[in-house]
Amino acid sequence: MSEKVDSQDSKLDWLKWAIVAAIVAAGVYGNSYFAAESLLLRIVGLLIAAGVAGFVAAQTERGRAFVNLCLEARVEIRKVVWPTRQETTQTTIVVLIVILIVALILFALDWLLNLGVSSIIG
């Protein structure tokens, strides 16, 4: 029975996406139509429209998959071991030193090639 309901829901996904598109289009049109109104009111209206559109989109098959992906990513982010301030500072200093060394090597190479070409050309 669950498969029948899932099949019926996936058949109606196009309708839900059409509703999402209509809400987004109404938000864009409403923002331009009420251009003379306060910016705060227009932003609140757009946020409400985006929330409703997001809710409707989350009811589709792809929307549920996206919500699950976001929840799983949040769990994975909590597992990350972030570097300490000291480690970040030391790594930044090493990167800056390597950049300086590479810049000096490229400068010297450019200078030598320029000197060689200038001596050939005259």
PDB file of N, CA and C in Angstrom:
ATOM      1  N   MET A   1       0.824  -1.185   0.000  1.00  0.00           N
ATOM      2  CA  MET A   1       0.000   0.000   0.000  1.00  0.00           C
ATOM      3  C   MET A   1       0.869   1.250   0.000  1.00  0.00           C
ATOM      4  N   SER A   2       1.992   1.206   0.703  1.00  0.00           N
ATOM      5  CA  SER A   2       2.894   2.342   0.759  1.00  0.00           C
ATOM      6  C   SER A   2       3.462   2.670  -0.615  1.00  0.00           C
ATOM      7  N   GLU A   3       3.758   1.635  -1.401  1.00  0.00           N
ATOM      8  CA  GLU A   3       4.285   1.848  -2.745  1.00  0.00           C
ATOM      9  C   GLU A   3       3.277   2.571  -3.617  1.00  0.00           C
ATOM     10  N   LYS A   4       1.993   2.273  -3.439  1.00  0.00           N
ATOM     11  CA  LYS A   4       0.947   2.919  -4.226  1.00  0.00           C
ATOM     12  C   LYS A   4       0.873   4.400  -3.881  1.00  0.00           C
ATOM     13  N   VAL A   5       0.987   4.718  -2.606  1.00  0.00           N
ATOM     14  CA  VAL A   5       0.952   6.118  -2.183  1.00  0.00           C
ATOM     15  C   VAL A   5       2.180   6.850  -2.696  1.00  0.00           C
ATOM     16  N   ASP A   6       3.371   6.209  -2.621  1.00  0.00           N
ATOM     17  CA  ASP A   6       4.588   6.831  -3.127  1.00  0.00           C
ATOM     18  C   ASP A   6       4.494   7.068  -4.631  1.00  0.00           C
ATOM     19  N   SER A   7       3.921   6.102  -5.348  1.00  0.00           N
ATOM     20  CA  SER A   7       3.763   6.243  -6.784  1.00  0.00           C
ATOM     21  C   SER A   7       2.830   7.403  -7.112  1.00  0.00           C
ATOM     22  N   GLN A   8       1.766   7.525  -6.335  1.00  0.00           N
ATOM     23  CA  GLN A   8       0.811   8.605  -6.562  1.00  0.00           C
ATOM     24  C   GLN A   8       1.459   9.957  -6.236  1.00  0.00           C
ATOM     25  N   ASP A   9       2.249  10.001  -5.168  1.00  0.00           N
ATOM     26  CA  ASP A   9       2.934  11.244  -4.814  1.00  0.00           C
ATOM     27  C   ASP A   9       3.918  11.661  -5.900  1.00  0.00           C
ATOM     28  N   SER A  10       4.658  10.700  -6.443  1.00  0.00           N
ATOM     29  CA  SER A  10       5.639  11.051  -7.471  1.00  0.00           C
ATOM     30  C   SER A  10       4.953  11.511  -8.750  1.00  0.00           C
ATOM     31  N   LYS A  11       3.733  11.034  -8.992  1.00  0.00           N
ATOM     32  CA  LYS A  11       2.994  11.496 -10.165  1.00  0.00           C
ATOM     33  C   LYS A  11       2.539  12.943  -9.992  1.00  0.00           C
ATOM     34  N   LEU A  12       2.319  13.345  -8.762  1.00  0.00           N
ATOM     35  CA  LEU A  12       1.865  14.712  -8.507  1.00  0.00           C
ATOM     36  C   LEU A  12       3.017  15.687  -8.274  1.00  0.00           C
ATOM     37  N   ASP A  13       4.255  15.200  -8.372  1.00  0.00           N
ATOM     38  CA  ASP A  13       5.401  16.085  -8.161  1.00  0.00           C
ATOM     39  C   ASP A  13       5.419  17.242  -9.152  1.00  0.00           C
ATOM     40  N   TRP A  14       5.040  16.990 -10.394  1.00  0.00           N
ATOM     41  CA  TRP A  14       5.031  18.069 -11.384  1.00  0.00           C
ATOM     42  C   TRP A  14       4.087  19.191 -10.960  1.00  0.00           C
ATOM     43  N   LEU A  15       2.965  18.827 -10.328  1.00  0.00           N
ATOM     44  CA  LEU A  15       2.015  19.837  -9.860  1.00  0.00           C
ATOM     45  C   LEU A  15       2.619  20.659  -8.722  1.00  0.00           C
ATOM     46  N   LYS A  16       3.311  19.970  -7.838  1.00  0.00           N
ATOM     47  CA  LYS A  16       3.951  20.678  -6.722  1.00  0.00           C
ATOM     48  C   LYS A  16       5.034  21.621  -7.239  1.00  0.00           C
ATOM     49  N   TRP A  17       5.819  21.167  -8.231  1.00  0.00           N
ATOM     50  CA  TRP A  17       6.849  22.047  -8.788  1.00  0.00           C
ATOM     51  C   TRP A  17       6.207  23.228  -9.531  1.00  0.00           C
ATOM     52  N   ALA A  18       5.059  23.013 -10.143  1.00  0.00           N
ATOM     53  CA  ALA A  18       4.349  24.116 -10.798  1.00  0.00           C
ATOM     54  C   ALA A  18       3.884  25.132  -9.763  1.00  0.00           C
ATOM     55  N   ILE A  19       3.428  24.636  -8.611  1.00  0.00           N
ATOM     56  CA  ILE A  19       3.020  25.543  -7.530  1.00  0.00           C
ATOM     57  C   ILE A  19       4.223  26.331  -7.019  1.00  0.00           C
ATOM     58  N   VAL A  20       5.360  25.658  -6.880  1.00  0.00           N
ATOM     59  CA  VAL A  20       6.591  26.346  -6.437  1.00  0.00           C
ATOM     60  C   VAL A  20       6.961  27.435  -7.442  1.00  0.00           C
ATOM     61  N   ALA A  21       6.904  27.107  -8.738  1.00  0.00           N
ATOM     62  CA  ALA A  21       7.233  28.098  -9.768  1.00  0.00           C
ATOM     63  C   ALA A  21       6.261  29.274  -9.724  1.00  0.00           C
ATOM     64  N   ALA A  22       4.980  28.996  -9.485  1.00  0.00           N
ATOM     65  CA  ALA A  22       3.987  30.065  -9.402  1.00  0.00           C
ATOM     66  C   ALA A  22       4.250  30.964  -8.185  1.00  0.00           C
ATOM     67  N   ILE A  23       4.634  30.363  -7.062  1.00  0.00           N
ATOM     68  CA  ILE A  23       4.926  31.159  -5.862  1.00  0.00           C
ATOM     69  C   ILE A  23       6.146  32.042  -6.099  1.00  0.00           C
ATOM     70  N   VAL A  24       7.185  31.473  -6.723  1.00  0.00           N
ATOM     71  CA  VAL A  24       8.388  32.267  -7.016  1.00  0.00           C
ATOM     72  C   VAL A  24       8.058  33.391  -7.990  1.00  0.00           C
ATOM     73  N   ALA A  25       7.288  33.091  -9.027  1.00  0.00           N
ATOM     74  CA  ALA A  25       6.908  34.123  -9.991  1.00  0.00           C
ATOM     75  C   ALA A  25       6.070  35.208  -9.318  1.00  0.00           C
ATOM     76  N   ALA A  26       5.164  34.817  -8.432  1.00  0.00           N
ATOM     77  CA  ALA A  26       4.354  35.808  -7.713  1.00  0.00           C
ATOM     78  C   ALA A  26       5.239  36.660  -6.806  1.00  0.00           C
ATOM     79  N   GLY A  27       6.243  36.055  -6.201  1.00  0.00           N
ATOM     80  CA  GLY A  27       7.159  36.829  -5.362  1.00  0.00           C
ATOM     81  C   GLY A  27       7.949  37.849  -6.164  1.00  0.00           C
ATOM     82  N   VAL A  28       8.431  37.443  -7.328  1.00  0.00           N
ATOM     83  CA  VAL A  28       9.189  38.365  -8.189  1.00  0.00           C
ATOM     84  C   VAL A  28       8.283  39.485  -8.679  1.00  0.00           C
ATOM     85  N   TYR A  29       7.078  39.120  -9.137  1.00  0.00           N
ATOM     86  CA  TYR A  29       6.149  40.138  -9.615  1.00  0.00           C
ATOM     87  C   TYR A  29       5.734  41.075  -8.480  1.00  0.00           C
ATOM     88  N   GLY A  30       5.422  40.493  -7.312  1.00  0.00           N
ATOM     89  CA  GLY A  30       5.018  41.314  -6.173  1.00  0.00           C
ATOM     90  C   GLY A  30       6.111  42.255  -5.718  1.00  0.00           C
ATOM     91  N   ASN A  31       7.360  41.813  -5.799  1.00  0.00           N
ATOM     92  CA  ASN A  31       8.473  42.681  -5.403  1.00  0.00           C
ATOM     93  C   ASN A  31       8.582  43.885  -6.331  1.00  0.00           C
ATOM     94  N   SER A  32       8.381  43.670  -7.626  1.00  0.00           N
ATOM     95  CA  SER A  32       8.453  44.796  -8.556  1.00  0.00           C
ATOM     96  C   SER A  32       7.185  45.652  -8.483  1.00  0.00           C
ATOM     97  N   TYR A  33       6.025  45.028  -8.245  1.00  0.00           N
ATOM     98  CA  TYR A  33       4.765  45.767  -8.185  1.00  0.00           C
ATOM     99  C   TYR A  33       4.738  46.693  -6.975  1.00  0.00           C
ATOM    100  N   PHE A  34       5.266  46.207  -5.854  1.00  0.00           N
ATOM    101  CA  PHE A  34       5.272  47.002  -4.635  1.00  0.00           C
ATOM    102  C   PHE A  34       6.609  47.699  -4.424  1.00  0.00           C
ATOM    103  N   ALA A  35       7.250  48.132  -5.498  1.00  0.00           N
ATOM    104  CA  ALA A  35       8.564  48.766  -5.414  1.00  0.00           C
ATOM    105  C   ALA A  35       8.534  50.048  -4.588  1.00  0.00           C
ATOM    106  N   ALA A  36       7.381  50.712  -4.523  1.00  0.00           N
ATOM    107  CA  ALA A  36       7.281  51.959  -3.764  1.00  0.00           C
ATOM    108  C   ALA A  36       7.142  51.708  -2.264  1.00  0.00           C
ATOM    109  N   GLU A  37       6.836  50.500  -1.882  1.00  0.00           N
ATOM    110  CA  GLU A  37       6.663  50.171  -0.458  1.00  0.00           C
ATOM    111  C   GLU A  37       8.014  50.044   0.235  1.00  0.00           C
ATOM    112  N   SER A  38       7.957  49.918   1.533  1.00  0.00           N
ATOM    113  CA  SER A  38       9.167  49.792   2.340  1.00  0.00           C
ATOM    114  C   SER A  38       9.952  48.544   1.939  1.00  0.00           C
ATOM    115  N   LEU A  39      11.273  48.684   1.922  1.00  0.00           N
ATOM    116  CA  LEU A  39      12.135  47.560   1.588  1.00  0.00           C
ATOM    117  C   LEU A  39      11.970  46.435   2.606  1.00  0.00           C
ATOM    118  N   LEU A  40      11.794  46.784   3.861  1.00  0.00           N
ATOM    119  CA  LEU A  40      11.623  45.774   4.901  1.00  0.00           C
ATOM    120  C   LEU A  40      10.381  44.924   4.645  1.00  0.00           C
ATOM    121  N   LEU A  41       9.280  45.568   4.273  1.00  0.00           N
ATOM    122  CA  LEU A  41       8.055  44.819   3.986  1.00  0.00           C
ATOM    123  C   LEU A  41       8.225  43.892   2.792  1.00  0.00           C
ATOM    124  N   ARG A  42       8.916  44.371   1.754  1.00  0.00           N
ATOM    125  CA  ARG A  42       9.138  43.539   0.577  1.00  0.00           C
ATOM    126  C   ARG A  42      10.029  42.350   0.913  1.00  0.00           C
ATOM    127  N   ILE A  43      11.051  42.564   1.736  1.00  0.00           N
ATOM    128  CA  ILE A  43      11.940  41.461   2.122  1.00  0.00           C
ATOM    129  C   ILE A  43      11.183  40.431   2.946  1.00  0.00           C
ATOM    130  N   VAL A  44      10.363  40.898   3.882  1.00  0.00           N
ATOM    131  CA  VAL A  44       9.571  39.965   4.696  1.00  0.00           C
ATOM    132  C   VAL A  44       8.628  39.167   3.804  1.00  0.00           C
ATOM    133  N   GLY A  45       7.990  39.830   2.858  1.00  0.00           N
ATOM    134  CA  GLY A  45       7.099  39.135   1.923  1.00  0.00           C
ATOM    135  C   GLY A  45       7.843  38.098   1.094  1.00  0.00           C
ATOM    136  N   LEU A  46       9.035  38.458   0.614  1.00  0.00           N
ATOM    137  CA  LEU A  46       9.823  37.510  -0.167  1.00  0.00           C
ATOM    138  C   LEU A  46      10.288  36.329   0.694  1.00  0.00           C
ATOM    139  N   LEU A  47      10.637  36.591   1.943  1.00  0.00           N
ATOM    140  CA  LEU A  47      11.052  35.505   2.832  1.00  0.00           C
ATOM    141  C   LEU A  47       9.892  34.548   3.110  1.00  0.00           C
ATOM    142  N   ILE A  48       8.704  35.112   3.296  1.00  0.00           N
ATOM    143  CA  ILE A  48       7.523  34.259   3.508  1.00  0.00           C
ATOM    144  C   ILE A  48       7.248  33.431   2.255  1.00  0.00           C
ATOM    145  N   ALA A  49       7.299  34.073   1.085  1.00  0.00           N
ATOM    146  CA  ALA A  49       7.072  33.348  -0.171  1.00  0.00           C
ATOM    147  C   ALA A  49       8.129  32.258  -0.362  1.00  0.00           C
ATOM    148  N   ALA A  50       9.385  32.563  -0.047  1.00  0.00           N
ATOM    149  CA  ALA A  50      10.451  31.564  -0.174  1.00  0.00           C
ATOM    150  C   ALA A  50      10.238  30.410   0.796  1.00  0.00           C
ATOM    151  N   GLY A  51       9.777  30.715   1.998  1.00  0.00           N
ATOM    152  CA  GLY A  51       9.503  29.655   2.970  1.00  0.00           C
ATOM    153  C   GLY A  51       8.387  28.731   2.513  1.00  0.00           C
ATOM    154  N   VAL A  52       7.318  29.326   1.996  1.00  0.00           N
ATOM    155  CA  VAL A  52       6.194  28.509   1.502  1.00  0.00           C
ATOM    156  C   VAL A  52       6.639  27.685   0.300  1.00  0.00           C
ATOM    157  N   ALA A  53       7.376  28.307  -0.627  1.00  0.00           N
ATOM    158  CA  ALA A  53       7.858  27.575  -1.801  1.00  0.00           C
ATOM    159  C   ALA A  53       8.806  26.453  -1.381  1.00  0.00           C
ATOM    160  N   GLY A  54       9.672  26.722  -0.422  1.00  0.00           N
ATOM    161  CA  GLY A  54      10.581  25.687   0.073  1.00  0.00           C
ATOM    162  C   GLY A  54       9.840  24.543   0.735  1.00  0.00           C
ATOM    163  N   PHE A  55       8.797  24.874   1.478  1.00  0.00           N
ATOM    164  CA  PHE A  55       7.997  23.832   2.130  1.00  0.00           C
ATOM    165  C   PHE A  55       7.310  22.949   1.095  1.00  0.00           C
ATOM    166  N   VAL A  56       6.726  23.576   0.081  1.00  0.00           N
ATOM    167  CA  VAL A  56       6.050  22.805  -0.961  1.00  0.00           C
ATOM    168  C   VAL A  56       7.074  21.961  -1.730  1.00  0.00           C
ATOM    169  N   ALA A  57       8.238  22.548  -2.028  1.00  0.00           N
ATOM    170  CA  ALA A  57       9.268  21.803  -2.758  1.00  0.00           C
ATOM    171  C   ALA A  57       9.782  20.629  -1.933  1.00  0.00           C
ATOM    172  N   ALA A  58       9.840  20.785  -0.608  1.00  0.00           N
ATOM    173  CA  ALA A  58      10.322  19.704   0.257  1.00  0.00           C
ATOM    174  C   ALA A  58       9.350  18.534   0.306  1.00  0.00           C
ATOM    175  N   GLN A  59       8.129  18.717  -0.166  1.00  0.00           N
ATOM    176  CA  GLN A  59       7.146  17.639  -0.177  1.00  0.00           C
ATOM    177  C   GLN A  59       7.294  16.742  -1.398  1.00  0.00           C
ATOM    178  N   THR A  60       8.136  17.149  -2.360  1.00  0.00           N
ATOM    179  CA  THR A  60       8.352  16.322  -3.544  1.00  0.00           C
ATOM    180  C   THR A  60       9.429  15.282  -3.264  1.00  0.00           C
ATOM    181  N   GLU A  61       9.588  14.357  -4.189  1.00  0.00           N
ATOM    182  CA  GLU A  61      10.580  13.294  -4.017  1.00  0.00           C
ATOM    183  C   GLU A  61      11.993  13.871  -3.996  1.00  0.00           C
ATOM    184  N   ARG A  62      12.294  14.738  -4.940  1.00  0.00           N
ATOM    185  CA  ARG A  62      13.625  15.364  -4.972  1.00  0.00           C
ATOM    186  C   ARG A  62      13.823  16.309  -3.799  1.00  0.00           C
ATOM    187  N   GLY A  63      12.777  16.955  -3.388  1.00  0.00           N
ATOM    188  CA  GLY A  63      12.868  17.853  -2.234  1.00  0.00           C
ATOM    189  C   GLY A  63      13.204  17.098  -0.965  1.00  0.00           C
ATOM    190  N   ARG A  64      12.559  15.948  -0.774  1.00  0.00           N
ATOM    191  CA  ARG A  64      12.869  15.117   0.409  1.00  0.00           C
ATOM    192  C   ARG A  64      14.314  14.627   0.352  1.00  0.00           C
ATOM    193  N   ALA A  65      14.773  14.265  -0.838  1.00  0.00           N
ATOM    194  CA  ALA A  65      16.158  13.811  -0.987  1.00  0.00           C
ATOM    195  C   ALA A  65      17.126  14.940  -0.645  1.00  0.00           C
ATOM    196  N   PHE A  66      16.803  16.168  -1.067  1.00  0.00           N
ATOM    197  CA  PHE A  66      17.659  17.315  -0.761  1.00  0.00           C
ATOM    198  C   PHE A  66      17.679  17.608   0.736  1.00  0.00           C
ATOM    199  N   VAL A  67      16.519  17.539   1.376  1.00  0.00           N
ATOM    200  CA  VAL A  67      16.451  17.770   2.826  1.00  0.00           C
ATOM    201  C   VAL A  67      17.271  16.706   3.559  1.00  0.00           C
ATOM    202  N   ASN A  68      17.167  15.447   3.138  1.00  0.00           N
ATOM    203  CA  ASN A  68      17.953  14.377   3.750  1.00  0.00           C
ATOM    204  C   ASN A  68      19.448  14.613   3.544  1.00  0.00           C
ATOM    205  N   LEU A  69      19.832  15.077   2.361  1.00  0.00           N
ATOM    206  CA  LEU A  69      21.231  15.386   2.092  1.00  0.00           C
ATOM    207  C   LEU A  69      21.735  16.480   3.026  1.00  0.00           C
ATOM    208  N   CYS A  70      20.935  17.521   3.211  1.00  0.00           N
ATOM    209  CA  CYS A  70      21.331  18.615   4.110  1.00  0.00           C
ATOM    210  C   CYS A  70      21.467  18.132   5.548  1.00  0.00           C
ATOM    211  N   LEU A  71      20.558  17.276   5.982  1.00  0.00           N
ATOM    212  CA  LEU A  71      20.637  16.750   7.350  1.00  0.00           C
ATOM    213  C   LEU A  71      21.869  15.869   7.530  1.00  0.00           C
ATOM    214  N   GLU A  72      22.174  15.052   6.531  1.00  0.00           N
ATOM    215  CA  GLU A  72      23.366  14.206   6.610  1.00  0.00           C
ATOM    216  C   GLU A  72      24.633  15.048   6.585  1.00  0.00           C
ATOM    217  N   ALA A  73      24.650  16.111   5.790  1.00  0.00           N
ATOM    218  CA  ALA A  73      25.816  16.993   5.740  1.00  0.00           C
ATOM    219  C   ALA A  73      26.020  17.679   7.090  1.00  0.00           C
ATOM    220  N   ARG A  74      24.934  18.045   7.725  1.00  0.00           N
ATOM    221  CA  ARG A  74      25.035  18.668   9.048  1.00  0.00           C
ATOM    222  C   ARG A  74      25.659  17.716  10.062  1.00  0.00           C
ATOM    223  N   VAL A  75      25.276  16.443   9.990  1.00  0.00           N
ATOM    224  CA  VAL A  75      25.860  15.437  10.885  1.00  0.00           C
ATOM    225  C   VAL A  75      27.355  15.293  10.602  1.00  0.00           C
ATOM    226  N   GLU A  76      27.732  15.275   9.327  1.00  0.00           N
ATOM    227  CA  GLU A  76      29.141  15.128   8.963  1.00  0.00           C
ATOM    228  C   GLU A  76      29.960  16.339   9.400  1.00  0.00           C
ATOM    229  N   ILE A  77      29.383  17.536   9.316  1.00  0.00           N
ATOM    230  CA  ILE A  77      30.100  18.742   9.732  1.00  0.00           C
ATOM    231  C   ILE A  77      30.393  18.694  11.227  1.00  0.00           C
ATOM    232  N   ARG A  78      29.505  18.110  11.990  1.00  0.00           N
ATOM    233  CA  ARG A  78      29.740  17.990  13.426  1.00  0.00           C
ATOM    234  C   ARG A  78      30.887  17.037  13.736  1.00  0.00           C
ATOM    235  N   LYS A  79      31.196  16.132  12.823  1.00  0.00           N
ATOM    236  CA  LYS A  79      32.282  15.186  13.031  1.00  0.00           C
ATOM    237  C   LYS A  79      33.653  15.773  12.716  1.00  0.00           C
ATOM    238  N   VAL A  80      33.701  16.919  12.035  1.00  0.00           N
ATOM    239  CA  VAL A  80      34.964  17.510  11.614  1.00  0.00           C
ATOM    240  C   VAL A  80      35.728  18.014  12.832  1.00  0.00           C
ATOM    241  N   VAL A  81      37.042  17.743  12.835  1.00  0.00           N
ATOM    242  CA  VAL A  81      37.912  18.269  13.889  1.00  0.00           C
ATOM    243  C   VAL A  81      38.561  19.532  13.322  1.00  0.00           C
ATOM    244  N   TRP A  82      38.147  20.670  13.839  1.00  0.00           N
ATOM    245  CA  TRP A  82      38.635  21.944  13.329  1.00  0.00           C
ATOM    246  C   TRP A  82      39.991  22.265  13.932  1.00  0.00           C
ATOM    247  N   PRO A  83      40.894  22.912  13.168  1.00  0.00           N
ATOM    248  CA  PRO A  83      42.219  23.232  13.702  1.00  0.00           C
ATOM    249  C   PRO A  83      42.132  24.324  14.772  1.00  0.00           C
ATOM    250  N   THR A  84      43.141  24.301  15.653  1.00  0.00           N
ATOM    251  CA  THR A  84      43.190  25.333  16.685  1.00  0.00           C
ATOM    252  C   THR A  84      43.672  26.639  16.059  1.00  0.00           C
ATOM    253  N   ARG A  85      43.597  27.698  16.830  1.00  0.00           N
ATOM    254  CA  ARG A  85      44.056  29.001  16.339  1.00  0.00           C
ATOM    255  C   ARG A  85      45.549  28.967  16.034  1.00  0.00           C
ATOM    256  N   GLN A  86      46.319  28.294  16.876  1.00  0.00           N
ATOM    257  CA  GLN A  86      47.768  28.203  16.672  1.00  0.00           C
ATOM    258  C   GLN A  86      48.083  27.436  15.386  1.00  0.00           C
ATOM    259  N   GLU A  87      47.391  26.322  15.146  1.00  0.00           N
ATOM    260  CA  GLU A  87      47.614  25.552  13.922  1.00  0.00           C
ATOM    261  C   GLU A  87      47.256  26.368  12.681  1.00  0.00           C
ATOM    262  N   THR A  88      46.175  27.114  12.758  1.00  0.00           N
ATOM    263  CA  THR A  88      45.761  27.951  11.634  1.00  0.00           C
ATOM    264  C   THR A  88      46.793  29.031  11.352  1.00  0.00           C
ATOM    265  N   THR A  89      47.292  29.655  12.406  1.00  0.00           N
ATOM    266  CA  THR A  89      48.301  30.712  12.246  1.00  0.00           C
ATOM    267  C   THR A  89      49.579  30.143  11.640  1.00  0.00           C
ATOM    268  N   GLN A  90      50.038  29.001  12.149  1.00  0.00           N
ATOM    269  CA  GLN A  90      51.271  28.393  11.630  1.00  0.00           C
ATOM    270  C   GLN A  90      51.105  27.991  10.165  1.00  0.00           C
ATOM    271  N   THR A  91      49.980  27.429   9.819  1.00  0.00           N
ATOM    272  CA  THR A  91      49.742  27.031   8.431  1.00  0.00           C
ATOM    273  C   THR A  91      49.701  28.250   7.519  1.00  0.00           C
ATOM    274  N   THR A  92      49.076  29.320   7.978  1.00  0.00           N
ATOM    275  CA  THR A  92      49.005  30.549   7.186  1.00  0.00           C
ATOM    276  C   THR A  92      50.395  31.112   6.949  1.00  0.00           C
ATOM    277  N   ILE A  93      51.236  31.105   7.973  1.00  0.00           N
ATOM    278  CA  ILE A  93      52.602  31.616   7.832  1.00  0.00           C
ATOM    279  C   ILE A  93      53.388  30.770   6.829  1.00  0.00           C
ATOM    280  N   VAL A  94      53.248  29.454   6.895  1.00  0.00           N
ATOM    281  CA  VAL A  94      53.942  28.571   5.949  1.00  0.00           C
ATOM    282  C   VAL A  94      53.475  28.854   4.524  1.00  0.00           C
ATOM    283  N   VAL A  95      52.180  29.020   4.327  1.00  0.00           N
ATOM    284  CA  VAL A  95      51.648  29.308   2.991  1.00  0.00           C
ATOM    285  C   VAL A  95      52.189  30.632   2.475  1.00  0.00           C
ATOM    286  N   LEU A  96      52.227  31.657   3.314  1.00  0.00           N
ATOM    287  CA  LEU A  96      52.753  32.960   2.884  1.00  0.00           C
ATOM    288  C   LEU A  96      54.233  32.879   2.518  1.00  0.00           C
ATOM    289  N   ILE A  97      55.016  32.114   3.277  1.00  0.00           N
ATOM    290  CA  ILE A  97      56.437  31.956   2.971  1.00  0.00           C
ATOM    291  C   ILE A  97      56.617  31.236   1.638  1.00  0.00           C
ATOM    292  N   VAL A  98      55.836  30.181   1.399  1.00  0.00           N
ATOM    293  CA  VAL A  98      55.931  29.457   0.126  1.00  0.00           C
ATOM    294  C   VAL A  98      55.527  30.366  -1.030  1.00  0.00           C
ATOM    295  N   ILE A  99      54.510  31.162  -0.848  1.00  0.00           N
ATOM    296  CA  ILE A  99      54.100  32.102  -1.904  1.00  0.00           C
ATOM    297  C   ILE A  99      55.213  33.092  -2.199  1.00  0.00           C
ATOM    298  N   LEU A 100      55.869  33.599  -1.174  1.00  0.00           N
ATOM    299  CA  LEU A 100      56.970  34.544  -1.351  1.00  0.00           C
ATOM    300  C   LEU A 100      58.125  33.888  -2.101  1.00  0.00           C
ATOM    301  N   ILE A 101      58.472  32.660  -1.743  1.00  0.00           N
ATOM    302  CA  ILE A 101      59.564  31.948  -2.414  1.00  0.00           C
ATOM    303  C   ILE A 101      59.233  31.718  -3.891  1.00  0.00           C
ATOM    304  N   VAL A 102      58.020  31.259  -4.183  1.00  0.00           N
ATOM    305  CA  VAL A 102      57.614  31.033  -5.577  1.00  0.00           C
ATOM    306  C   VAL A 102      57.603  32.343  -6.358  1.00  0.00           C
ATOM    307  N   ALA A 103      57.166  33.428  -5.734  1.00  0.00           N
ATOM    308  CA  ALA A 103      57.162  34.731  -6.407  1.00  0.00           C
ATOM    309  C   ALA A 103      58.583  35.176  -6.730  1.00  0.00           C
ATOM    310  N   LEU A 104      59.522  34.968  -5.807  1.00  0.00           N
ATOM    311  CA  LEU A 104      60.920  35.336  -6.063  1.00  0.00           C
ATOM    312  C   LEU A 104      61.521  34.479  -7.175  1.00  0.00           C
ATOM    313  N   ILE A 105      61.199  33.186  -7.194  1.00  0.00           N
ATOM    314  CA  ILE A 105      61.701  32.314  -8.262  1.00  0.00           C
ATOM    315  C   ILE A 105      61.148  32.758  -9.617  1.00  0.00           C
ATOM    316  N   LEU A 106      59.855  33.057  -9.671  1.00  0.00           N
ATOM    317  CA  LEU A 106      59.258  33.516 -10.935  1.00  0.00           C
ATOM    318  C   LEU A 106      59.824  34.870 -11.362  1.00  0.00           C
ATOM    319  N   PHE A 107      60.086  35.748 -10.400  1.00  0.00           N
ATOM    320  CA  PHE A 107      60.683  37.049 -10.721  1.00  0.00           C
ATOM    321  C   PHE A 107      62.072  36.852 -11.314  1.00  0.00           C
ATOM    322  N   ALA A 108      62.880  35.992 -10.678  1.00  0.00           N
ATOM    323  CA  ALA A 108      64.239  35.743 -11.172  1.00  0.00           C
ATOM    324  C   ALA A 108      64.199  35.097 -12.557  1.00  0.00           C
ATOM    325  N   LEU A 109      63.312  34.140 -12.767  1.00  0.00           N
ATOM    326  CA  LEU A 109      63.185  33.492 -14.068  1.00  0.00           C
ATOM    327  C   LEU A 109      62.765  34.498 -15.138  1.00  0.00           C
ATOM    328  N   ASP A 110      61.809  35.350 -14.821  1.00  0.00           N
ATOM    329  CA  ASP A 110      61.363  36.380 -15.758  1.00  0.00           C
ATOM    330  C   ASP A 110      62.504  37.334 -16.080  1.00  0.00           C
ATOM    331  N   TRP A 111      63.262  37.727 -15.066  1.00  0.00           N
ATOM    332  CA  TRP A 111      64.371  38.661 -15.266  1.00  0.00           C
ATOM    333  C   TRP A 111      65.439  38.034 -16.157  1.00  0.00           C
ATOM    334  N   LEU A 112      65.769  36.749 -15.905  1.00  0.00           N
ATOM    335  CA  LEU A 112      66.781  36.076 -16.718  1.00  0.00           C
ATOM    336  C   LEU A 112      66.313  35.898 -18.163  1.00  0.00           C
ATOM    337  N   LEU A 113      65.069  35.507 -18.351  1.00  0.00           N
ATOM    338  CA  LEU A 113      64.543  35.361 -19.721  1.00  0.00           C
ATOM    339  C   LEU A 113      64.504  36.703 -20.439  1.00  0.00           C
ATOM    340  N   ASN A 114      64.133  37.752 -19.725  1.00  0.00           N
ATOM    341  CA  ASN A 114      64.111  39.097 -20.320  1.00  0.00           C
ATOM    342  C   ASN A 114      65.530  39.515 -20.711  1.00  0.00           C
ATOM    343  N   LEU A 115      66.501  39.215 -19.864  1.00  0.00           N
ATOM    344  CA  LEU A 115      67.893  39.556 -20.147  1.00  0.00           C
ATOM    345  C   LEU A 115      68.389  38.783 -21.370  1.00  0.00           C
ATOM    346  N   GLY A 116      68.033  37.494 -21.441  1.00  0.00           N
ATOM    347  CA  GLY A 116      68.454  36.690 -22.593  1.00  0.00           C
ATOM    348  C   GLY A 116      67.833  37.150 -23.888  1.00  0.00           C
ATOM    349  N   VAL A 117      66.553  37.419 -23.876  1.00  0.00           N
ATOM    350  CA  VAL A 117      65.873  37.879 -25.094  1.00  0.00           C
ATOM    351  C   VAL A 117      66.384  39.253 -25.502  1.00  0.00           C
ATOM    352  N   SER A 118      66.620  40.107 -24.533  1.00  0.00           N
ATOM    353  CA  SER A 118      67.138  41.455 -24.850  1.00  0.00           C
ATOM    354  C   SER A 118      68.519  41.366 -25.494  1.00  0.00           C
ATOM    355  N   SER A 119      69.365  40.433 -25.023  1.00  0.00           N
ATOM    356  CA  SER A 119      70.715  40.315 -25.603  1.00  0.00           C
ATOM    357  C   SER A 119      70.636  39.729 -27.013  1.00  0.00           C
ATOM    358  N   ILE A 120      69.677  38.859 -27.298  1.00  0.00           N
ATOM    359  CA  ILE A 120      69.527  38.288 -28.631  1.00  0.00           C
ATOM    360  C   ILE A 120      68.980  39.330 -29.605  1.00  0.00           C
ATOM    361  N   ILE A 121      67.970  40.073 -29.166  1.00  0.00           N
ATOM    362  CA  ILE A 121      67.336  41.071 -30.033  1.00  0.00           C
ATOM    363  C   ILE A 121      68.277  42.249 -30.259  1.00  0.00           C
ATOM    364  N   GLY A 122      68.968  42.631 -29.224  1.00  0.00           N
ATOM    365  CA  GLY A 122      69.956  43.698 -29.379  1.00  0.00           C
ATOM    366  C   GLY A 122      69.588  44.883 -28.654  1.00  0.00           C
TER     367      GLY A 122
END
